[in-house]
Amino acid sequence: MTVRYAVTWEFPLRPPITYRGTVSATQPEACCRLATKEARKALRPQGWSSMVCVLLERLDVTPDAVEPEETDDALAVEA
């Protein structure tokens, strides 16, 4: 799976910093691990008090996998 992610570090006395990107892995846990590793390498945060990793969007899902919504035309019955 391929996902867009955001990793944010929060600090006691400084504003938070966020890194965004995309990663690919077979499991969501691996995506979080890779995202955190990439963000840590890019930003090198020090003295943080909390860290949040969010998988924002799965990019490899096809639109066909989503069920179409019912419309009034689909519900109309011919007399």
N, C-alpha and C. Protein backbone atom coordinates (compact mmCIF):
# COMPACT_ATOMS: atom_id res chain seq x y z
N MET A 1 0.84 -1.16 0.00
CA MET A 1 0.00 0.00 0.00
C MET A 1 0.89 1.24 0.00
N THR A 2 0.39 2.30 -0.61
CA THR A 2 1.08 3.58 -0.65
C THR A 2 0.19 4.59 0.07
N VAL A 3 0.79 5.36 0.99
CA VAL A 3 0.01 6.31 1.77
C VAL A 3 0.72 7.67 1.83
N ARG A 4 -0.11 8.71 1.96
CA ARG A 4 0.40 10.04 2.30
C ARG A 4 0.38 10.13 3.82
N TYR A 5 1.40 10.78 4.40
CA TYR A 5 1.49 10.84 5.85
C TYR A 5 1.92 12.23 6.31
N ALA A 6 1.70 12.47 7.60
CA ALA A 6 2.21 13.66 8.27
C ALA A 6 2.73 13.22 9.64
N VAL A 7 3.95 13.65 9.96
CA VAL A 7 4.53 13.36 11.26
C VAL A 7 4.80 14.71 11.92
N THR A 8 4.28 14.88 13.13
CA THR A 8 4.43 16.14 13.86
C THR A 8 5.11 15.89 15.20
N TRP A 9 6.09 16.73 15.51
CA TRP A 9 6.72 16.73 16.82
C TRP A 9 6.29 17.97 17.56
N GLU A 10 5.92 17.79 18.83
CA GLU A 10 5.52 18.90 19.68
C GLU A 10 6.58 19.08 20.77
N PHE A 11 6.77 20.34 21.15
CA PHE A 11 7.80 20.71 22.11
C PHE A 11 7.18 21.49 23.26
N PRO A 12 7.80 21.45 24.44
CA PRO A 12 7.24 22.18 25.58
C PRO A 12 7.24 23.70 25.37
N LEU A 13 8.27 24.25 24.75
CA LEU A 13 8.39 25.71 24.65
C LEU A 13 8.49 26.23 23.21
N ARG A 14 8.45 25.37 22.23
CA ARG A 14 8.55 25.79 20.83
C ARG A 14 7.31 25.35 20.06
N PRO A 15 7.05 25.98 18.92
CA PRO A 15 5.92 25.52 18.10
C PRO A 15 6.21 24.14 17.51
N PRO A 16 5.17 23.39 17.18
CA PRO A 16 5.37 22.05 16.60
C PRO A 16 5.95 22.15 15.18
N ILE A 17 6.62 21.09 14.78
CA ILE A 17 7.13 20.99 13.41
C ILE A 17 6.51 19.75 12.77
N THR A 18 6.19 19.85 11.47
CA THR A 18 5.53 18.76 10.76
C THR A 18 6.27 18.45 9.47
N TYR A 19 6.36 17.18 9.17
CA TYR A 19 6.96 16.72 7.92
C TYR A 19 5.92 15.86 7.21
N ARG A 20 5.76 16.08 5.90
CA ARG A 20 4.78 15.32 5.12
C ARG A 20 5.48 14.60 3.96
N GLY A 21 4.92 13.47 3.56
CA GLY A 21 5.49 12.73 2.45
C GLY A 21 4.63 11.54 2.09
N THR A 22 5.20 10.63 1.32
CA THR A 22 4.53 9.38 0.95
C THR A 22 5.49 8.22 1.18
N VAL A 23 4.93 7.09 1.55
CA VAL A 23 5.71 5.86 1.73
C VAL A 23 4.90 4.68 1.21
N SER A 24 5.61 3.60 0.93
CA SER A 24 4.96 2.36 0.49
C SER A 24 5.45 1.22 1.36
N ALA A 25 4.52 0.36 1.76
CA ALA A 25 4.83 -0.84 2.54
C ALA A 25 3.64 -1.78 2.43
N THR A 26 3.78 -2.98 2.96
CA THR A 26 2.70 -3.96 2.86
C THR A 26 1.69 -3.84 4.00
N GLN A 27 2.10 -3.27 5.15
CA GLN A 27 1.24 -3.16 6.32
C GLN A 27 1.21 -1.71 6.82
N PRO A 28 0.10 -1.29 7.43
CA PRO A 28 0.04 0.07 7.97
C PRO A 28 1.11 0.34 9.04
N GLU A 29 1.43 -0.67 9.84
CA GLU A 29 2.46 -0.50 10.87
C GLU A 29 3.81 -0.17 10.24
N ALA A 30 4.11 -0.83 9.14
CA ALA A 30 5.37 -0.57 8.43
C ALA A 30 5.36 0.82 7.81
N CYS A 31 4.20 1.26 7.32
CA CYS A 31 4.09 2.62 6.77
C CYS A 31 4.40 3.66 7.85
N CYS A 32 3.86 3.46 9.05
CA CYS A 32 4.13 4.38 10.16
C CYS A 32 5.61 4.39 10.52
N ARG A 33 6.20 3.21 10.56
CA ARG A 33 7.63 3.12 10.90
C ARG A 33 8.48 3.84 9.87
N LEU A 34 8.20 3.60 8.58
CA LEU A 34 8.98 4.24 7.51
C LEU A 34 8.74 5.75 7.49
N ALA A 35 7.51 6.18 7.70
CA ALA A 35 7.19 7.61 7.71
C ALA A 35 7.93 8.31 8.84
N THR A 36 7.92 7.71 10.03
CA THR A 36 8.62 8.30 11.17
C THR A 36 10.12 8.36 10.92
N LYS A 37 10.66 7.31 10.33
CA LYS A 37 12.09 7.27 10.04
C LYS A 37 12.48 8.36 9.04
N GLU A 38 11.69 8.53 7.96
CA GLU A 38 11.97 9.57 6.97
C GLU A 38 11.89 10.96 7.58
N ALA A 39 10.85 11.19 8.38
CA ALA A 39 10.65 12.51 8.98
C ALA A 39 11.76 12.82 9.99
N ARG A 40 12.14 11.84 10.78
CA ARG A 40 13.21 12.04 11.77
C ARG A 40 14.53 12.36 11.08
N LYS A 41 14.79 11.71 9.96
CA LYS A 41 16.02 11.95 9.21
C LYS A 41 16.01 13.37 8.61
N ALA A 42 14.86 13.81 8.13
CA ALA A 42 14.76 15.13 7.49
C ALA A 42 14.79 16.28 8.50
N LEU A 43 14.12 16.13 9.64
CA LEU A 43 13.97 17.25 10.58
C LEU A 43 14.92 17.19 11.78
N ARG A 44 15.36 16.00 12.16
CA ARG A 44 16.23 15.79 13.31
C ARG A 44 15.73 16.53 14.57
N PRO A 45 14.52 16.19 15.03
CA PRO A 45 13.95 16.89 16.20
C PRO A 45 14.69 16.53 17.49
N GLN A 46 14.85 17.52 18.36
CA GLN A 46 15.49 17.30 19.66
C GLN A 46 14.67 17.98 20.74
N GLY A 47 14.54 17.34 21.87
CA GLY A 47 13.84 17.92 23.00
C GLY A 47 12.33 17.91 22.85
N TRP A 48 11.80 17.00 22.05
CA TRP A 48 10.36 16.95 21.82
C TRP A 48 9.66 16.29 23.00
N SER A 49 8.38 16.65 23.17
CA SER A 49 7.60 16.07 24.26
C SER A 49 6.58 15.05 23.75
N SER A 50 6.15 15.19 22.50
CA SER A 50 5.24 14.19 21.91
C SER A 50 5.41 14.17 20.40
N MET A 51 5.04 13.02 19.82
CA MET A 51 5.15 12.84 18.38
C MET A 51 3.89 12.16 17.88
N VAL A 52 3.38 12.62 16.74
CA VAL A 52 2.16 12.05 16.16
C VAL A 52 2.45 11.69 14.70
N CYS A 53 2.12 10.46 14.32
CA CYS A 53 2.23 10.02 12.93
C CYS A 53 0.82 9.70 12.44
N VAL A 54 0.40 10.37 11.36
CA VAL A 54 -0.95 10.17 10.82
C VAL A 54 -0.83 9.71 9.37
N LEU A 55 -1.49 8.60 9.06
CA LEU A 55 -1.59 8.16 7.67
C LEU A 55 -2.82 8.87 7.10
N LEU A 56 -2.59 9.86 6.25
CA LEU A 56 -3.65 10.74 5.80
C LEU A 56 -4.54 10.12 4.73
N GLU A 57 -3.93 9.43 3.79
CA GLU A 57 -4.71 8.95 2.65
C GLU A 57 -4.01 7.76 2.01
N ARG A 58 -4.77 6.75 1.69
CA ARG A 58 -4.23 5.61 0.97
C ARG A 58 -4.33 5.92 -0.52
N LEU A 59 -3.20 5.88 -1.22
CA LEU A 59 -3.15 6.32 -2.61
C LEU A 59 -3.36 5.21 -3.62
N ASP A 60 -3.25 3.97 -3.22
CA ASP A 60 -3.34 2.87 -4.18
C ASP A 60 -4.74 2.27 -4.28
N VAL A 61 -5.74 2.95 -3.75
CA VAL A 61 -7.12 2.46 -3.85
C VAL A 61 -7.72 3.01 -5.13
N THR A 62 -8.31 2.12 -5.92
CA THR A 62 -8.92 2.55 -7.17
C THR A 62 -10.33 3.07 -6.92
N PRO A 63 -10.79 4.02 -7.72
CA PRO A 63 -12.15 4.53 -7.55
C PRO A 63 -13.21 3.45 -7.76
N ASP A 64 -12.90 2.40 -8.50
CA ASP A 64 -13.86 1.32 -8.74
C ASP A 64 -14.17 0.54 -7.46
N ALA A 65 -13.26 0.60 -6.49
CA ALA A 65 -13.46 -0.13 -5.24
C ALA A 65 -14.52 0.52 -4.36
N VAL A 66 -14.84 1.76 -4.63
CA VAL A 66 -15.85 2.47 -3.86
C VAL A 66 -17.21 2.22 -4.50
N GLU A 67 -18.19 1.89 -3.66
CA GLU A 67 -19.52 1.63 -4.19
C GLU A 67 -20.17 2.93 -4.63
N PRO A 68 -20.82 2.94 -5.80
CA PRO A 68 -21.46 4.17 -6.26
C PRO A 68 -22.66 4.52 -5.38
N GLU A 69 -22.88 5.82 -5.21
CA GLU A 69 -24.03 6.26 -4.42
C GLU A 69 -25.29 6.12 -5.24
N GLU A 70 -26.39 5.85 -4.55
CA GLU A 70 -27.67 5.75 -5.25
C GLU A 70 -28.15 7.14 -5.62
N THR A 71 -28.72 7.26 -6.81
CA THR A 71 -29.26 8.55 -7.26
C THR A 71 -30.76 8.39 -7.45
N ASP A 72 -31.41 9.49 -7.63
CA ASP A 72 -32.86 9.45 -7.88
C ASP A 72 -33.18 8.67 -9.16
N ASP A 73 -32.29 8.77 -10.16
CA ASP A 73 -32.50 8.04 -11.42
C ASP A 73 -32.47 6.53 -11.19
N ALA A 74 -31.60 6.09 -10.30
CA ALA A 74 -31.49 4.67 -10.02
C ALA A 74 -32.70 4.16 -9.28
N LEU A 75 -33.34 5.02 -8.52
CA LEU A 75 -34.51 4.63 -7.74
C LEU A 75 -35.82 4.75 -8.52
N ALA A 76 -35.78 5.45 -9.66
CA ALA A 76 -37.02 5.67 -10.42
C ALA A 76 -37.49 4.34 -11.03
N VAL A 77 -38.77 4.16 -10.98
CA VAL A 77 -39.40 2.95 -11.55
C VAL A 77 -40.27 3.39 -12.70
N GLU A 78 -40.06 2.73 -13.84
CA GLU A 78 -40.87 3.09 -15.01
C GLU A 78 -42.28 2.54 -14.83
N ALA A 79 -43.28 3.35 -15.21
CA ALA A 79 -44.68 2.94 -15.06
C ALA A 79 -45.15 2.16 -16.26
